[in-house]
């Protein structure tokens, strides 16, 4: 998703823009994560693809670790596969 796509999506949907403002205005890491969960929940309700959700929220400037936690992704180095092809 390009920056223009991100801006267009924010401007088209008032609820998305409101949630984005909440993430941007969060006073703590815990508050950022909570508000990001609300935004991601909205996108999941809209049945958006995980890659699209990740691409969108990266434009908010949230740390990758927080994004991974909210999206339920395994942190780096803790993948199910260990490189041997055996999960």
N, C-alpha and C. Protein backbone atom coordinates (compact mmCIF):
# COMPACT_ATOMS: atom_id res chain seq x y z
N UNK A 1 0.86 -1.17 0.00
CA UNK A 1 0.00 0.00 0.00
C UNK A 1 0.90 1.23 0.00
N UNK A 2 0.64 2.11 -0.92
CA UNK A 2 1.42 3.34 -0.98
C UNK A 2 0.89 4.35 0.03
N UNK A 3 1.67 5.39 0.26
CA UNK A 3 1.24 6.46 1.17
C UNK A 3 -0.05 7.09 0.65
N UNK A 4 -0.18 7.25 -0.66
CA UNK A 4 -1.40 7.82 -1.24
C UNK A 4 -2.61 6.92 -0.97
N UNK A 5 -2.43 5.60 -1.10
CA UNK A 5 -3.51 4.65 -0.81
C UNK A 5 -3.94 4.79 0.65
N UNK A 6 -2.95 4.89 1.52
CA UNK A 6 -3.20 5.05 2.96
C UNK A 6 -4.01 6.33 3.21
N UNK A 7 -3.57 7.43 2.65
CA UNK A 7 -4.27 8.71 2.85
C UNK A 7 -5.69 8.66 2.30
N UNK A 8 -5.87 8.05 1.15
CA UNK A 8 -7.19 7.95 0.54
C UNK A 8 -8.13 7.12 1.42
N UNK A 9 -7.63 6.02 1.94
CA UNK A 9 -8.46 5.16 2.77
C UNK A 9 -8.86 5.89 4.06
N UNK A 10 -7.93 6.61 4.64
CA UNK A 10 -8.24 7.38 5.85
C UNK A 10 -9.29 8.43 5.58
N UNK A 11 -9.18 9.09 4.45
CA UNK A 11 -10.11 10.18 4.15
C UNK A 11 -11.50 9.67 3.76
N UNK A 12 -11.58 8.45 3.26
CA UNK A 12 -12.87 7.90 2.82
C UNK A 12 -13.71 7.38 3.98
N UNK A 13 -13.06 6.96 5.06
CA UNK A 13 -13.77 6.32 6.15
C UNK A 13 -13.52 7.07 7.46
N UNK A 14 -14.55 7.75 7.96
CA UNK A 14 -14.41 8.54 9.18
C UNK A 14 -14.03 7.67 10.37
N UNK A 15 -14.58 6.44 10.45
CA UNK A 15 -14.25 5.58 11.58
C UNK A 15 -12.79 5.15 11.55
N UNK A 16 -12.25 4.91 10.36
CA UNK A 16 -10.83 4.55 10.23
C UNK A 16 -9.98 5.74 10.65
N UNK A 17 -10.32 6.93 10.17
CA UNK A 17 -9.55 8.11 10.50
C UNK A 17 -9.57 8.37 12.01
N UNK A 18 -10.72 8.20 12.62
CA UNK A 18 -10.85 8.41 14.07
C UNK A 18 -9.96 7.43 14.84
N UNK A 19 -9.97 6.17 14.43
CA UNK A 19 -9.13 5.17 15.09
C UNK A 19 -7.65 5.46 14.85
N UNK A 20 -7.29 5.93 13.66
CA UNK A 20 -5.90 6.29 13.37
C UNK A 20 -5.46 7.45 14.26
N UNK A 21 -6.31 8.43 14.42
CA UNK A 21 -5.98 9.56 15.29
C UNK A 21 -5.77 9.09 16.72
N UNK A 22 -6.56 8.12 17.14
CA UNK A 22 -6.40 7.56 18.48
C UNK A 22 -5.05 6.89 18.66
N UNK A 23 -4.62 6.15 17.64
CA UNK A 23 -3.31 5.49 17.70
C UNK A 23 -2.22 6.56 17.74
N UNK A 24 -2.33 7.55 16.87
CA UNK A 24 -1.31 8.60 16.78
C UNK A 24 -1.24 9.44 18.06
N UNK A 25 -2.36 9.59 18.75
CA UNK A 25 -2.39 10.42 19.95
C UNK A 25 -2.24 9.66 21.25
N UNK A 26 -1.95 8.39 21.17
CA UNK A 26 -1.82 7.56 22.39
C UNK A 26 -0.66 8.07 23.24
N UNK A 27 -0.89 8.06 24.56
CA UNK A 27 0.10 8.59 25.50
C UNK A 27 1.09 7.54 25.98
N UNK A 28 0.81 6.27 25.75
CA UNK A 28 1.71 5.21 26.22
C UNK A 28 1.72 4.06 25.22
N UNK A 29 2.70 3.18 25.39
CA UNK A 29 2.78 2.01 24.52
C UNK A 29 1.55 1.12 24.68
N UNK A 30 1.10 0.97 25.91
CA UNK A 30 -0.09 0.14 26.17
C UNK A 30 -1.32 0.73 25.50
N UNK A 31 -1.45 2.04 25.56
CA UNK A 31 -2.59 2.71 24.92
C UNK A 31 -2.49 2.60 23.40
N UNK A 32 -1.28 2.74 22.87
CA UNK A 32 -1.07 2.58 21.43
C UNK A 32 -1.53 1.20 20.99
N UNK A 33 -1.10 0.18 21.74
CA UNK A 33 -1.45 -1.19 21.38
C UNK A 33 -2.96 -1.41 21.46
N UNK A 34 -3.58 -0.90 22.50
CA UNK A 34 -5.03 -1.05 22.66
C UNK A 34 -5.78 -0.40 21.49
N UNK A 35 -5.39 0.79 21.14
CA UNK A 35 -6.07 1.50 20.04
C UNK A 35 -5.77 0.86 18.69
N UNK A 36 -4.56 0.34 18.54
CA UNK A 36 -4.22 -0.36 17.30
C UNK A 36 -5.06 -1.63 17.17
N UNK A 37 -5.30 -2.31 18.29
CA UNK A 37 -6.16 -3.51 18.27
C UNK A 37 -7.57 -3.16 17.78
N UNK A 38 -8.08 -2.01 18.19
CA UNK A 38 -9.40 -1.57 17.74
C UNK A 38 -9.41 -1.35 16.23
N UNK A 39 -8.37 -0.70 15.72
CA UNK A 39 -8.27 -0.45 14.29
C UNK A 39 -8.16 -1.75 13.51
N UNK A 40 -7.29 -2.64 13.96
CA UNK A 40 -7.12 -3.93 13.29
C UNK A 40 -8.42 -4.74 13.35
N UNK A 41 -9.12 -4.66 14.47
CA UNK A 41 -10.41 -5.35 14.59
C UNK A 41 -11.41 -4.87 13.56
N UNK A 42 -11.44 -3.56 13.34
CA UNK A 42 -12.33 -3.00 12.32
C UNK A 42 -11.99 -3.56 10.94
N UNK A 43 -10.69 -3.58 10.62
CA UNK A 43 -10.27 -4.10 9.32
C UNK A 43 -10.61 -5.59 9.17
N UNK A 44 -10.44 -6.33 10.26
CA UNK A 44 -10.78 -7.76 10.20
C UNK A 44 -12.28 -7.94 10.02
N UNK A 45 -13.09 -7.10 10.66
CA UNK A 45 -14.54 -7.15 10.47
C UNK A 45 -14.90 -6.87 9.01
N UNK A 46 -14.10 -6.03 8.36
CA UNK A 46 -14.31 -5.70 6.95
C UNK A 46 -13.73 -6.78 6.03
N UNK A 47 -13.16 -7.81 6.62
CA UNK A 47 -12.56 -8.95 5.92
C UNK A 47 -11.43 -8.53 4.98
N UNK A 48 -10.61 -7.62 5.47
CA UNK A 48 -9.44 -7.20 4.71
C UNK A 48 -8.32 -8.23 4.90
N UNK A 49 -7.47 -8.34 3.90
CA UNK A 49 -6.37 -9.30 3.93
C UNK A 49 -5.32 -8.86 4.96
N UNK A 50 -4.71 -9.82 5.65
CA UNK A 50 -3.68 -9.49 6.65
C UNK A 50 -2.55 -8.61 6.09
N UNK A 51 -2.15 -8.86 4.86
CA UNK A 51 -1.08 -8.07 4.25
C UNK A 51 -1.51 -6.62 4.08
N UNK A 52 -2.78 -6.41 3.73
CA UNK A 52 -3.29 -5.05 3.57
C UNK A 52 -3.36 -4.34 4.92
N UNK A 53 -3.78 -5.07 5.95
CA UNK A 53 -3.86 -4.49 7.29
C UNK A 53 -2.46 -4.08 7.74
N UNK A 54 -1.51 -4.99 7.61
CA UNK A 54 -0.13 -4.70 8.03
C UNK A 54 0.41 -3.48 7.28
N UNK A 55 0.22 -3.46 5.98
CA UNK A 55 0.72 -2.36 5.17
C UNK A 55 0.11 -1.03 5.61
N UNK A 56 -1.18 -1.05 5.91
CA UNK A 56 -1.85 0.19 6.34
C UNK A 56 -1.29 0.67 7.68
N UNK A 57 -1.24 -0.21 8.68
CA UNK A 57 -0.84 0.23 10.01
C UNK A 57 0.63 0.63 10.07
N UNK A 58 1.46 0.13 9.17
CA UNK A 58 2.86 0.55 9.14
C UNK A 58 2.98 2.05 8.86
N UNK A 59 2.02 2.61 8.15
CA UNK A 59 2.04 4.05 7.86
C UNK A 59 1.78 4.89 9.11
N UNK A 60 1.29 4.28 10.17
CA UNK A 60 1.04 5.01 11.40
C UNK A 60 2.31 5.23 12.22
N UNK A 61 3.40 4.58 11.84
CA UNK A 61 4.65 4.75 12.54
C UNK A 61 4.77 3.95 13.82
N UNK A 62 3.93 2.94 13.97
CA UNK A 62 3.97 2.08 15.15
C UNK A 62 5.13 1.10 15.01
N UNK A 63 5.79 0.78 16.12
CA UNK A 63 6.91 -0.15 16.09
C UNK A 63 6.47 -1.50 15.55
N UNK A 64 7.37 -2.14 14.80
CA UNK A 64 7.07 -3.44 14.19
C UNK A 64 6.70 -4.49 15.23
N UNK A 65 7.33 -4.46 16.42
CA UNK A 65 7.03 -5.45 17.45
C UNK A 65 5.58 -5.33 17.91
N UNK A 66 5.10 -4.10 18.02
CA UNK A 66 3.71 -3.87 18.45
C UNK A 66 2.76 -4.36 17.36
N UNK A 67 3.07 -4.04 16.12
CA UNK A 67 2.24 -4.50 15.00
C UNK A 67 2.18 -6.02 14.99
N UNK A 68 3.33 -6.68 15.14
CA UNK A 68 3.37 -8.15 15.13
C UNK A 68 2.52 -8.72 16.26
N UNK A 69 2.61 -8.13 17.44
CA UNK A 69 1.82 -8.61 18.58
C UNK A 69 0.33 -8.47 18.30
N UNK A 70 -0.06 -7.31 17.81
CA UNK A 70 -1.49 -7.05 17.54
C UNK A 70 -2.02 -7.96 16.45
N UNK A 71 -1.20 -8.22 15.45
CA UNK A 71 -1.63 -9.08 14.34
C UNK A 71 -1.51 -10.56 14.67
N UNK A 72 -0.93 -10.87 15.84
CA UNK A 72 -0.80 -12.27 16.25
C UNK A 72 0.30 -13.01 15.53
N UNK A 73 1.31 -12.28 15.09
CA UNK A 73 2.43 -12.90 14.38
C UNK A 73 3.51 -13.27 15.39
N UNK A 74 4.25 -14.32 15.09
CA UNK A 74 5.35 -14.74 15.95
C UNK A 74 6.47 -13.73 15.85
N UNK A 75 7.08 -13.35 16.97
CA UNK A 75 8.24 -12.45 16.91
C UNK A 75 9.39 -13.10 16.16
N UNK A 76 10.29 -12.30 15.63
CA UNK A 76 11.44 -12.81 14.90
C UNK A 76 12.21 -13.80 15.76
N UNK A 77 12.63 -14.91 15.14
CA UNK A 77 13.40 -15.91 15.86
C UNK A 77 12.53 -16.93 16.56
N UNK A 78 11.22 -16.75 16.58
CA UNK A 78 10.34 -17.69 17.27
C UNK A 78 9.34 -18.30 16.30
N UNK A 79 9.76 -18.41 15.06
CA UNK A 79 8.89 -18.99 14.04
C UNK A 79 8.66 -20.46 14.31
N UNK A 80 7.58 -20.97 13.76
CA UNK A 80 7.25 -22.38 13.94
C UNK A 80 8.29 -23.27 13.30
N UNK A 81 8.88 -22.81 12.20
CA UNK A 81 9.89 -23.61 11.53
C UNK A 81 11.27 -23.14 11.96
N UNK A 82 12.18 -24.07 12.09
CA UNK A 82 13.52 -23.74 12.53
C UNK A 82 14.54 -23.77 11.40
N UNK A 83 14.05 -23.73 10.18
CA UNK A 83 14.94 -23.76 9.04
C UNK A 83 15.20 -25.15 8.51
N UNK A 84 14.74 -26.18 9.21
CA UNK A 84 14.95 -27.54 8.76
C UNK A 84 13.81 -28.02 7.88
N UNK A 85 12.75 -27.20 7.84
CA UNK A 85 11.58 -27.63 7.08
C UNK A 85 10.62 -28.42 7.93
N UNK A 86 10.97 -28.63 9.19
CA UNK A 86 10.11 -29.36 10.12
C UNK A 86 9.51 -28.38 11.08
N UNK A 87 8.20 -28.37 11.15
CA UNK A 87 7.52 -27.42 12.04
C UNK A 87 7.51 -27.92 13.46
